[in-house]
Amino acid sequence: MPEVLQVENFLERASSLPIIDVRSPGEYEHAHIPGALNLPLFDNEERAVVGTYYKQRGRVPAVQKGLEYVGPKMKNFTKFAQKLNSQEILVHCWRGGMRSSAMAWLLETIDLKCYLLEGGYKAYRNYVLDQFRKKYNIILLGGPTGSGKTELLQELKRRGEQIIDLEGIANHKGSAFGSLGQENQPSTELFENMLAGELIKLDPSRGIWMEDESRNIGRIPVPLDLWNQMRVSPLIMTDTPREIRLKRIMRDYAVFPDSEIAASISKLEKRLGFDKCKVALEMCASGNLEGAASLCLNYYDKAYMYQLKTRFGENLEGVRKLYPDSLEIESLLVESAIRLSREIEK
């Protein structure tokens, strides 16, 4: 008989064992446990038919219809599992019911040890949402557009600091230009799953660096419980000279086709105003990308300072500052950031 595990134990074993998600492809594609492999008992259409049988005819006819679908697939299911090269396998479905139990029964007939997730993916989702309600010692890394915050975060990670790269998980850099060069964004639910997966790896009693984000990263909202913590967390701000920030923006974005840059500028029309947006687009069309970037930077700088003053007061009381003086993230800057974080933790 397969052993049933609670979420925490299931995820602990997932660090060394494969996870098979037997939900339909549509369920899996919407969101899943990070690292899980999809081996659907039913395809999307079959799942809908079985569900209709259950509602209209009852449990036994639904099971019989399900067996009709599953029977021809059983050999391929076992071959898939054997290719995982593991004698132990984690299996789950939506509620921890018939689909996962049926797959575990089948795989145990070929001498594979299976573990089921108690409560299924639904229980896992409740666990995920619980992670955002925990108390964390968050240190926000802020600064105007082009300050190199993501680069600094990654350097802090290399120095052994705990970080959460929200933009990396969201596949978006946070501005109107944030989708350039990025893969498609995950669903909000999958973003939450991946974010929770990163949080549970960290020590909540130590400082955890996060970038000072808007609530939405592209089209994905930061979970509200975590966002509320971020709003009252201490901020370390990179006060980077404008000319350095403009160089970084040109370095990172001028490599993309003019048409893609123009499309991103167009997203700012309501914020820049029609006339300024038109000028920026004309600059882009004529090859003056730096001029267009400078116009957009004016807007982002004003918006960021307004947001900071709303939270911290006109004089930004309590905001600690770093003073980068080059395009590169230098060792002294990283050491200063770590020193300021230690002062906060005390």
Protein backbone atom coordinates (compact mmCIF):
# COMPACT_ATOMS: atom_id res chain seq x y z
CA MET A 1 0.00 0.00 0.00
CA PRO A 2 1.34 3.47 -0.82
CA GLU A 3 2.28 5.63 2.16
CA VAL A 4 0.39 8.91 2.57
CA LEU A 5 2.48 11.98 3.45
CA GLN A 6 1.54 15.43 4.68
CA VAL A 7 2.66 18.37 2.57
CA GLU A 8 5.86 19.18 4.49
CA ASN A 9 7.13 15.58 4.36
CA PHE A 10 6.08 15.23 0.72
CA LEU A 11 8.11 18.31 -0.23
CA GLU A 12 11.09 17.19 1.84
CA ARG A 13 11.23 13.93 -0.11
CA ALA A 14 10.79 15.88 -3.36
CA SER A 15 14.35 17.18 -2.96
CA SER A 16 15.59 13.71 -3.93
CA LEU A 17 12.60 11.87 -5.45
CA PRO A 18 10.59 12.54 -8.64
CA ILE A 19 7.04 13.88 -8.40
CA ILE A 20 4.34 12.62 -10.76
CA ASP A 21 1.33 14.90 -11.14
CA VAL A 22 -1.51 12.78 -12.56
CA ARG A 23 -3.92 15.69 -13.10
CA SER A 24 -4.99 16.60 -16.63
CA PRO A 25 -2.62 18.59 -18.88
CA GLY A 26 -4.80 21.69 -18.51
CA GLU A 27 -4.64 21.55 -14.71
CA TYR A 28 -0.88 21.00 -14.80
CA GLU A 29 -0.18 23.77 -17.32
CA HIS A 30 -2.13 26.29 -15.26
CA ALA A 31 0.01 25.60 -12.19
CA HIS A 32 1.84 22.73 -10.51
CA ILE A 33 4.36 21.90 -7.82
CA PRO A 34 7.73 23.14 -9.15
CA GLY A 35 9.71 20.21 -10.53
CA ALA A 36 6.70 17.89 -10.87
CA LEU A 37 6.28 15.85 -14.06
CA ASN A 38 2.89 15.50 -15.69
CA LEU A 39 1.65 11.93 -16.27
CA PRO A 40 -2.08 12.54 -16.68
CA LEU A 41 -4.46 9.71 -15.98
CA PHE A 42 -6.96 11.48 -18.28
CA ASP A 43 -6.47 14.08 -20.97
CA ASN A 44 -8.52 17.28 -20.76
CA GLU A 45 -11.49 15.90 -22.70
CA GLU A 46 -11.50 12.57 -20.87
CA ARG A 47 -11.45 14.32 -17.51
CA ALA A 48 -14.49 16.38 -18.53
CA VAL A 49 -16.39 13.28 -19.63
CA VAL A 50 -15.63 11.37 -16.42
CA GLY A 51 -16.70 14.39 -14.38
CA THR A 52 -19.98 14.56 -16.27
CA TYR A 53 -20.59 10.83 -15.70
CA TYR A 54 -19.98 11.33 -11.97
CA LYS A 55 -22.46 14.21 -11.71
CA GLN A 56 -25.16 12.70 -13.90
CA ARG A 57 -24.86 8.93 -13.34
CA GLY A 58 -22.96 8.44 -10.10
CA ARG A 59 -19.63 7.14 -8.88
CA VAL A 60 -19.63 3.58 -10.30
CA PRO A 61 -20.43 4.55 -13.93
CA ALA A 62 -17.77 7.29 -13.68
CA VAL A 63 -15.15 4.80 -12.46
CA GLN A 64 -16.06 2.39 -15.23
CA LYS A 65 -15.77 5.13 -17.84
CA GLY A 66 -12.40 6.11 -16.36
CA LEU A 67 -11.17 2.51 -16.60
CA GLU A 68 -12.20 2.49 -20.24
CA TYR A 69 -9.85 5.41 -20.85
CA VAL A 70 -7.02 4.26 -18.59
CA GLY A 71 -6.80 0.60 -19.59
CA PRO A 72 -4.96 1.11 -22.93
CA LYS A 73 -2.51 3.56 -21.31
CA MET A 74 -1.36 1.43 -18.39
CA LYS A 75 1.70 -0.04 -20.09
CA ASN A 76 2.93 3.41 -21.14
CA PHE A 77 2.40 4.71 -17.60
CA THR A 78 4.72 2.05 -16.22
CA LYS A 79 7.34 2.71 -18.92
CA PHE A 80 7.29 6.42 -18.10
CA ALA A 81 7.83 5.71 -14.41
CA GLN A 82 10.67 3.26 -15.03
CA LYS A 83 12.54 5.86 -17.09
CA LEU A 84 12.74 8.05 -13.98
CA ASN A 85 15.38 5.65 -12.60
CA SER A 86 14.03 5.82 -9.07
CA GLN A 87 12.59 3.02 -6.96
CA GLU A 88 10.53 5.54 -5.00
CA ILE A 89 8.08 7.99 -6.55
CA LEU A 90 5.86 10.76 -5.21
CA VAL A 91 2.35 10.86 -6.72
CA HIS A 92 -0.46 13.38 -6.38
CA CYS A 93 -3.71 14.51 -7.98
CA TRP A 94 -6.13 17.33 -7.11
CA ARG A 95 -7.59 16.09 -3.80
CA GLY A 96 -5.49 13.01 -3.11
CA GLY A 97 -8.30 10.76 -4.31
CA MET A 98 -8.90 8.14 -6.97
CA ARG A 99 -6.56 9.38 -9.68
CA SER A 100 -3.39 9.35 -7.58
CA SER A 101 -4.41 6.15 -5.76
CA ALA A 102 -5.01 4.37 -9.07
CA MET A 103 -1.62 5.45 -10.44
CA ALA A 104 0.17 4.46 -7.23
CA TRP A 105 -1.53 1.03 -7.28
CA LEU A 106 -0.38 0.49 -10.86
CA LEU A 107 3.22 1.55 -10.23
CA GLU A 108 3.49 -0.58 -7.12
CA THR A 109 2.58 -3.64 -9.25
CA ILE A 110 5.96 -3.13 -10.99
CA ASP A 111 7.74 -2.89 -7.62
CA LEU A 112 8.01 0.87 -7.33
CA LYS A 113 7.41 2.37 -3.90
CA CYS A 114 4.88 5.23 -4.08
CA TYR A 115 4.06 8.03 -1.68
CA LEU A 116 0.78 9.94 -1.94
CA LEU A 117 0.19 13.58 -1.00
CA GLU A 118 -2.48 13.81 1.68
CA GLY A 119 -5.18 16.15 0.42
CA GLY A 120 -3.52 16.39 -2.99
CA TYR A 121 -2.60 19.57 -4.82
CA LYS A 122 -5.41 21.40 -2.99
CA ALA A 123 -3.64 20.83 0.34
CA TYR A 124 -0.36 21.93 -1.23
CA ARG A 125 -1.97 25.20 -2.35
CA ASN A 126 -3.17 25.90 1.19
CA TYR A 127 0.39 25.26 2.37
CA VAL A 128 1.72 27.69 -0.24
CA LEU A 129 -0.62 30.47 0.86
CA ASP A 130 0.34 29.86 4.50
CA GLN A 131 3.97 30.68 3.65
CA PHE A 132 3.05 34.26 2.79
CA ARG A 133 1.43 34.77 6.19
CA LYS A 134 4.63 33.93 8.08
CA LYS A 135 6.76 36.71 9.54
CA TYR A 136 9.99 37.37 7.65
CA ASN A 137 12.88 39.75 8.31
CA ILE A 138 12.66 41.44 4.93
CA ILE A 139 15.23 43.98 3.80
CA LEU A 140 14.08 45.91 0.75
CA LEU A 141 16.62 46.95 -1.88
CA GLY A 142 15.34 50.05 -3.62
CA GLY A 143 16.49 52.68 -6.05
CA PRO A 144 15.34 54.43 -9.21
CA THR A 145 15.17 52.68 -12.58
CA GLY A 146 18.57 51.58 -13.89
CA SER A 147 20.24 51.33 -10.46
CA GLY A 148 21.36 47.72 -10.98
CA LYS A 149 19.30 46.33 -8.12
CA THR A 150 18.98 42.86 -9.64
CA GLU A 151 22.74 42.67 -10.21
CA LEU A 152 23.36 43.73 -6.63
CA LEU A 153 20.89 41.12 -5.36
CA GLN A 154 22.71 38.37 -7.23
CA GLU A 155 26.07 39.55 -5.89
CA LEU A 156 24.65 39.51 -2.36
CA LYS A 157 23.53 35.92 -2.96
CA ARG A 158 27.06 34.99 -4.03
CA ARG A 159 28.27 36.44 -0.72
CA GLY A 160 25.97 34.10 1.21
CA GLU A 161 23.08 36.52 1.81
CA GLN A 162 19.49 35.29 1.60
CA ILE A 163 17.63 36.77 -1.37
CA ILE A 164 14.32 36.39 -3.18
CA ASP A 165 14.46 37.52 -6.82
CA LEU A 166 10.80 38.37 -7.41
CA GLU A 167 11.42 39.61 -10.95
CA GLY A 168 13.35 36.47 -11.82
CA ILE A 169 10.50 34.25 -10.63
CA ALA A 170 7.95 36.42 -12.48
CA ASN A 171 9.97 36.56 -15.73
CA HIS A 172 9.56 40.32 -15.82
CA LYS A 173 11.75 43.30 -14.89
CA GLY A 174 8.89 45.35 -13.56
CA SER A 175 8.63 48.30 -15.95
CA ALA A 176 6.88 48.83 -19.28
CA PHE A 177 10.08 47.41 -20.79
CA GLY A 178 10.20 44.51 -18.34
CA SER A 179 9.06 41.80 -20.75
CA LEU A 180 11.87 42.43 -23.26
CA GLY A 181 14.09 39.37 -23.53
CA GLN A 182 12.03 37.43 -21.02
CA GLU A 183 10.13 34.16 -21.33
CA ASN A 184 6.34 34.25 -20.97
CA GLN A 185 5.19 35.02 -17.46
CA PRO A 186 3.83 32.11 -15.41
CA SER A 187 0.28 32.12 -14.13
CA THR A 188 -0.22 33.92 -10.84
CA GLU A 189 -0.77 30.56 -9.15
CA LEU A 190 2.46 29.09 -10.52
CA PHE A 191 4.34 32.25 -9.52
CA GLU A 192 3.05 31.79 -5.96
CA ASN A 193 4.11 28.14 -5.96
CA MET A 194 7.63 29.01 -7.09
CA LEU A 195 7.88 31.92 -4.65
CA ALA A 196 6.78 29.75 -1.72
CA GLY A 197 9.31 27.12 -2.81
CA GLU A 198 12.08 29.72 -2.50
CA LEU A 199 10.84 31.05 0.84
CA ILE A 200 10.78 27.64 2.54
CA LYS A 201 14.48 27.20 1.73
CA LEU A 202 15.39 30.27 3.79
CA ASP A 203 15.83 30.98 7.50
CA PRO A 204 13.02 33.43 8.41
CA SER A 205 14.96 34.65 11.45
CA ARG A 206 17.74 36.05 9.21
CA GLY A 207 17.52 38.96 6.83
CA ILE A 208 15.97 38.23 3.44
CA TRP A 209 16.73 40.70 0.66
CA MET A 210 13.98 41.55 -1.83
CA GLU A 211 13.74 44.27 -4.43
CA ASP A 212 11.36 47.11 -3.59
CA GLU A 213 8.67 46.23 -6.15
CA SER A 214 5.35 47.65 -7.17
CA ARG A 215 2.46 45.36 -6.23
CA ASN A 216 2.30 44.03 -9.79
CA ILE A 217 5.33 42.62 -11.56
CA GLY A 218 4.11 42.75 -15.13
CA ARG A 219 0.66 41.18 -14.89
CA ILE A 220 1.42 39.17 -11.73
CA PRO A 221 0.53 40.56 -8.28
CA VAL A 222 2.81 39.91 -5.32
CA PRO A 223 0.77 37.91 -2.75
CA LEU A 224 -1.04 40.43 -0.57
CA ASP A 225 0.12 39.01 2.78
CA LEU A 226 3.76 39.20 1.68
CA TRP A 227 3.23 42.59 0.05
CA ASN A 228 1.87 44.02 3.31
CA GLN A 229 5.06 42.89 5.06
CA MET A 230 7.20 44.46 2.34
CA ARG A 231 5.43 47.82 2.72
CA VAL A 232 6.58 48.14 6.33
CA SER A 233 10.05 46.61 5.90
CA PRO A 234 13.25 48.69 6.11
CA LEU A 235 14.61 50.03 2.85
CA ILE A 236 18.19 50.32 1.64
CA MET A 237 18.26 52.57 -1.43
CA THR A 238 20.90 52.75 -4.15
CA ASP A 239 21.38 56.46 -4.89
CA THR A 240 22.96 55.95 -8.30
CA PRO A 241 23.87 58.96 -10.50
CA ARG A 242 21.54 59.43 -13.42
CA GLU A 243 24.27 59.16 -16.06
CA ILE A 244 25.25 55.72 -14.78
CA ARG A 245 21.65 54.58 -14.73
CA LEU A 246 21.16 55.78 -18.30
CA LYS A 247 24.26 53.86 -19.41
CA ARG A 248 22.92 50.71 -17.76
CA ILE A 249 19.54 51.11 -19.44
CA MET A 250 21.23 51.51 -22.83
CA ARG A 251 23.42 48.50 -22.17
CA ASP A 252 20.48 46.29 -21.16
CA TYR A 253 17.76 47.44 -23.57
CA ALA A 254 19.32 48.97 -26.70
CA VAL A 255 20.10 45.43 -27.91
CA PHE A 256 16.41 44.80 -28.63
CA PRO A 257 14.72 45.64 -31.96
CA ASP A 258 13.49 49.23 -32.27
CA SER A 259 9.98 47.95 -32.90
CA GLU A 260 9.89 46.18 -29.54
CA ILE A 261 11.26 49.22 -27.73
CA ALA A 262 8.67 51.43 -29.44
CA ALA A 263 5.88 49.07 -28.38
CA SER A 264 7.09 49.35 -24.79
CA ILE A 265 7.22 53.15 -24.97
CA SER A 266 3.64 53.17 -26.29
CA LYS A 267 2.49 51.46 -23.09
CA LEU A 268 3.52 54.63 -21.23
CA GLU A 269 1.36 57.02 -23.25
CA LYS A 270 -1.14 57.70 -20.46
CA ARG A 271 1.66 58.23 -17.93
CA LEU A 272 4.04 60.25 -20.11
CA GLY A 273 1.27 62.17 -21.83
CA PHE A 274 0.50 62.06 -25.53
CA ASP A 275 3.02 64.74 -26.57
CA LYS A 276 6.00 63.34 -24.64
CA CYS A 277 5.21 59.82 -25.75
CA LYS A 278 5.09 61.02 -29.36
CA VAL A 279 8.50 62.67 -28.98
CA ALA A 280 9.97 59.53 -27.42
CA LEU A 281 8.62 57.40 -30.27
CA GLU A 282 10.03 59.81 -32.85
CA MET A 283 13.44 59.63 -31.14
CA CYS A 284 13.24 55.84 -31.19
CA ALA A 285 12.34 55.85 -34.91
CA SER A 286 15.29 58.13 -35.72
CA GLY A 287 17.75 55.95 -33.80
CA ASN A 288 18.08 58.28 -30.81
CA LEU A 289 17.41 55.54 -28.27
CA GLU A 290 19.29 57.33 -25.51
CA GLY A 291 17.07 60.39 -25.90
CA ALA A 292 13.96 58.22 -25.76
CA ALA A 293 15.30 56.39 -22.71
CA SER A 294 16.05 59.71 -20.98
CA LEU A 295 12.48 60.91 -21.52
CA CYS A 296 11.07 57.71 -20.04
CA LEU A 297 13.53 57.89 -17.16
CA ASN A 298 12.16 61.32 -16.22
CA TYR A 299 8.75 59.76 -15.69
CA TYR A 300 10.04 56.75 -13.74
CA ASP A 301 12.20 58.92 -11.46
CA LYS A 302 9.30 61.21 -10.54
CA ALA A 303 6.97 58.27 -9.95
CA TYR A 304 9.50 56.46 -7.75
CA MET A 305 10.28 59.51 -5.62
CA TYR A 306 6.56 60.22 -5.15
CA GLN A 307 6.02 56.63 -4.00
CA LEU A 308 8.98 56.83 -1.59
CA LYS A 309 7.86 60.12 -0.04
CA THR A 310 4.35 58.75 0.40
CA ARG A 311 5.77 55.88 2.47
CA PHE A 312 8.71 57.46 4.27
CA GLY A 313 7.95 61.18 4.41
CA GLU A 314 9.31 64.17 2.51
CA ASN A 315 12.85 63.69 3.87
CA LEU A 316 12.80 59.88 3.50
CA GLU A 317 13.30 59.34 7.22
CA GLY A 318 14.74 55.93 8.00
CA VAL A 319 15.83 55.14 4.43
CA ARG A 320 19.46 54.03 4.37
CA LYS A 321 21.43 54.83 1.23
CA LEU A 322 24.16 53.29 -0.88
CA TYR A 323 26.15 55.41 -3.30
CA PRO A 324 27.25 53.43 -6.38
CA ASP A 325 29.69 55.40 -8.54
CA SER A 326 30.23 53.05 -11.49
CA LEU A 327 28.35 50.80 -13.87
CA GLU A 328 29.83 47.70 -12.26
CA ILE A 329 28.64 46.31 -8.93
CA GLU A 330 31.86 46.73 -6.98
CA SER A 331 32.94 44.83 -3.88
CA LEU A 332 32.83 47.93 -1.68
CA LEU A 333 29.19 48.52 -2.59
CA VAL A 334 28.25 44.96 -1.66
CA GLU A 335 30.11 45.21 1.64
CA SER A 336 28.32 48.48 2.44
CA ALA A 337 24.96 46.86 1.71
CA ILE A 338 25.75 43.93 4.02
CA ARG A 339 26.93 46.30 6.77
CA LEU A 340 23.69 48.30 6.58
CA SER A 341 21.63 45.10 6.68
CA ARG A 342 23.42 43.98 9.84
CA GLU A 343 22.58 47.30 11.48
CA ILE A 344 18.94 46.71 10.58
CA GLU A 345 18.95 43.16 11.96
CA LYS A 346 20.24 44.40 15.33
